[in-house]
Protein backbone atom coordinates (compact mmCIF):
# COMPACT_ATOMS: atom_id res chain seq x y z
CA MET A 1 55.28 158.15 39.78
CA PHE A 2 52.99 155.13 39.59
CA LEU A 3 54.28 154.33 36.11
CA SER A 4 57.88 154.33 37.43
CA LEU A 5 56.95 151.86 40.15
CA LEU A 6 55.28 149.57 37.60
CA LEU A 7 58.40 149.64 35.43
CA LEU A 8 60.59 148.80 38.42
CA ALA A 9 58.28 145.95 39.44
CA ALA A 10 58.31 144.57 35.88
CA GLN A 11 62.12 144.74 35.81
CA ALA A 12 62.32 143.02 39.20
CA GLN A 13 60.64 139.94 37.72
CA ASP A 14 63.57 139.56 35.32
CA VAL A 15 66.17 139.38 38.09
CA VAL A 16 68.57 136.44 37.77
CA ILE A 17 70.62 135.39 40.78
CA ARG A 18 73.74 133.33 40.22
CA THR A 19 75.96 131.89 42.87
CA SER A 20 79.38 130.38 42.69
CA GLU A 21 81.87 128.92 45.09
CA PRO A 22 84.42 131.59 46.05
CA ARG A 23 88.02 130.98 45.05
CA PRO A 24 90.42 130.30 47.90
CA ALA A 25 92.61 133.27 48.76
CA SER A 26 96.24 133.24 47.77
CA PRO A 27 98.65 132.52 50.59
CA TRP A 28 99.46 135.59 52.69
CA VAL A 29 103.09 136.42 53.27
CA GLU A 30 104.45 139.35 55.25
CA VAL A 31 107.56 140.69 53.50
CA VAL A 32 110.11 143.08 54.98
CA SER A 33 113.05 144.22 52.91
CA GLY A 34 115.90 146.68 53.07
CA ARG A 35 118.99 147.61 51.13
CA CYS A 36 122.47 148.71 52.15
CA GLY A 37 124.63 149.48 49.16
CA ASP A 38 124.50 146.41 46.92
CA ASP A 39 123.15 144.13 49.68
CA ARG A 40 119.41 143.49 49.81
CA LEU A 41 117.85 141.76 52.81
CA GLU A 42 114.43 140.14 52.55
CA LEU A 43 112.45 138.59 55.38
CA ARG A 44 109.37 136.54 54.46
CA ARG A 45 106.91 135.50 57.17
CA PRO A 46 104.21 133.12 55.85
CA ARG A 47 100.91 134.02 57.54
CA TRP A 48 98.16 131.93 55.91
CA PRO A 49 96.95 129.22 55.36
CA LEU A 50 99.39 127.63 57.80
CA PRO A 51 102.03 129.88 59.35
CA SER A 52 105.49 128.45 58.99
CA SER A 53 109.03 129.55 59.78
CA ALA A 54 110.36 132.89 58.67
CA VAL A 55 112.76 132.85 55.74
CA VAL A 56 115.70 135.26 55.54
CA ARG A 57 117.45 135.96 52.25
CA LEU A 58 120.43 138.18 51.55
CA ASN A 59 120.80 138.98 47.86
CA ARG A 60 118.25 136.23 47.14
CA ARG A 61 120.36 133.59 48.90
CA THR A 62 120.34 132.01 52.32
CA PRO A 63 123.01 133.82 54.35
CA GLU A 64 125.93 131.84 55.70
CA GLY A 65 125.91 131.22 59.45
CA ASP A 66 123.53 129.73 62.00
CA LEU A 67 120.05 131.10 61.25
CA GLY A 68 118.26 128.94 63.86
CA LEU A 69 117.87 131.54 66.61
CA LEU A 70 116.97 134.30 64.15
CA GLU A 71 114.30 132.25 62.42
CA ARG A 72 112.81 131.14 65.76
CA GLU A 73 112.67 134.75 66.99
CA LEU A 74 110.88 135.86 63.82
CA SER A 75 108.48 132.93 63.42
CA GLU A 76 105.96 133.40 66.26
CA PRO A 77 102.66 133.20 64.32
CA ALA A 78 100.48 134.99 66.90
CA ALA A 79 102.90 137.88 67.52
CA ALA A 80 102.86 141.42 66.19
CA TYR A 81 106.24 142.63 64.93
CA ARG A 82 107.84 145.97 64.09
CA PHE A 83 110.92 145.87 61.88
CA SER A 84 113.62 148.25 60.74
CA VAL A 85 116.70 147.81 58.59
CA LEU A 86 119.80 149.90 59.27
CA CYS A 87 123.14 150.32 57.53
CA THR A 88 126.56 151.28 58.83
CA PRO A 89 127.85 154.53 57.28
CA ASN A 90 130.05 152.66 54.79
CA ASN A 91 127.29 150.10 53.98
CA GLU A 92 129.61 147.36 55.22
CA THR A 93 127.12 145.91 57.71
CA LEU A 94 123.35 145.56 57.41
CA GLU A 95 121.31 145.28 60.62
CA LEU A 96 117.77 143.96 60.98
CA ARG A 97 116.03 145.11 64.17
CA TRP A 98 112.70 143.96 65.52
CA VAL A 99 110.36 144.32 68.45
CA ARG A 100 107.75 141.64 69.06
CA GLY A 101 104.59 141.72 71.14
CA LEU A 102 102.83 138.48 72.05
CA ALA A 103 99.68 138.29 74.19
CA ASP A 104 99.03 135.32 76.47
CA GLN A 105 95.65 133.74 77.33
CA GLN A 106 94.91 136.46 79.91
CA GLY A 107 95.70 139.29 77.51
CA GLN A 108 99.05 140.18 79.05
CA VAL A 109 101.57 141.15 76.38
CA ALA A 110 105.19 140.03 76.56
CA PHE A 111 107.65 142.05 74.48
CA ARG A 112 111.03 141.05 73.01
CA SER A 113 113.46 143.07 70.98
CA GLY A 114 116.37 141.89 68.94
CA SER A 115 118.78 142.49 66.12
CA ALA A 116 120.71 140.54 63.52
CA GLU A 117 123.83 141.76 61.73
CA PHE A 118 124.91 140.68 58.26
CA ARG A 119 128.23 141.29 56.53
CA ASP A 120 129.64 139.83 53.31
CA GLY A 121 126.70 137.43 52.88
CA THR A 122 127.03 136.07 56.44
CA LEU A 123 124.92 136.37 59.56
CA ILE A 124 127.52 137.52 62.10
CA ALA A 125 125.43 138.17 65.23
CA VAL A 126 121.93 137.71 66.65
CA ARG A 127 120.82 139.29 69.91
CA SER A 128 117.43 139.25 71.62
CA GLU A 129 116.10 140.17 75.03
CA GLU A 130 112.95 140.96 76.92
CA ALA A 131 111.62 144.44 76.27
CA ASP A 132 108.72 146.66 77.32
CA SER A 133 105.83 148.34 75.54
CA GLU A 134 107.85 151.53 75.03
CA ALA A 135 110.28 149.60 72.82
CA PHE A 136 107.36 148.36 70.71
CA TRP A 137 105.57 151.69 70.35
CA TYR A 138 108.57 153.79 69.31
CA ARG A 139 108.02 156.38 66.57
């Protein structure tokens, strides 16, 4: 036993410690995607280092139509989101749904839900409204 301890002590004297500056992390991006037939929707929400506006792509292109309201609804950096992508039975229309929870300074959470519909490469409708916690915690 004593011999083992001496060997460990002798090895401990040969310990070399090296330090290096850690590499910065790659930017973090939250990506949500869905497919209806040949149409593929992708939502990218930059999260770090500096959150910026959400970007919506349909078949790798910016959809036609006014994306302002949709991008504002999906770009709250401090919010938690739940997303789902739905298709009409004939895959003619793709729908993005979301529920957002955002806590204020006192810890009270405000919820919003919304949807966006896409058809033939165009954003055709955006809806959003206040919601409650039950909308956020659906299963």
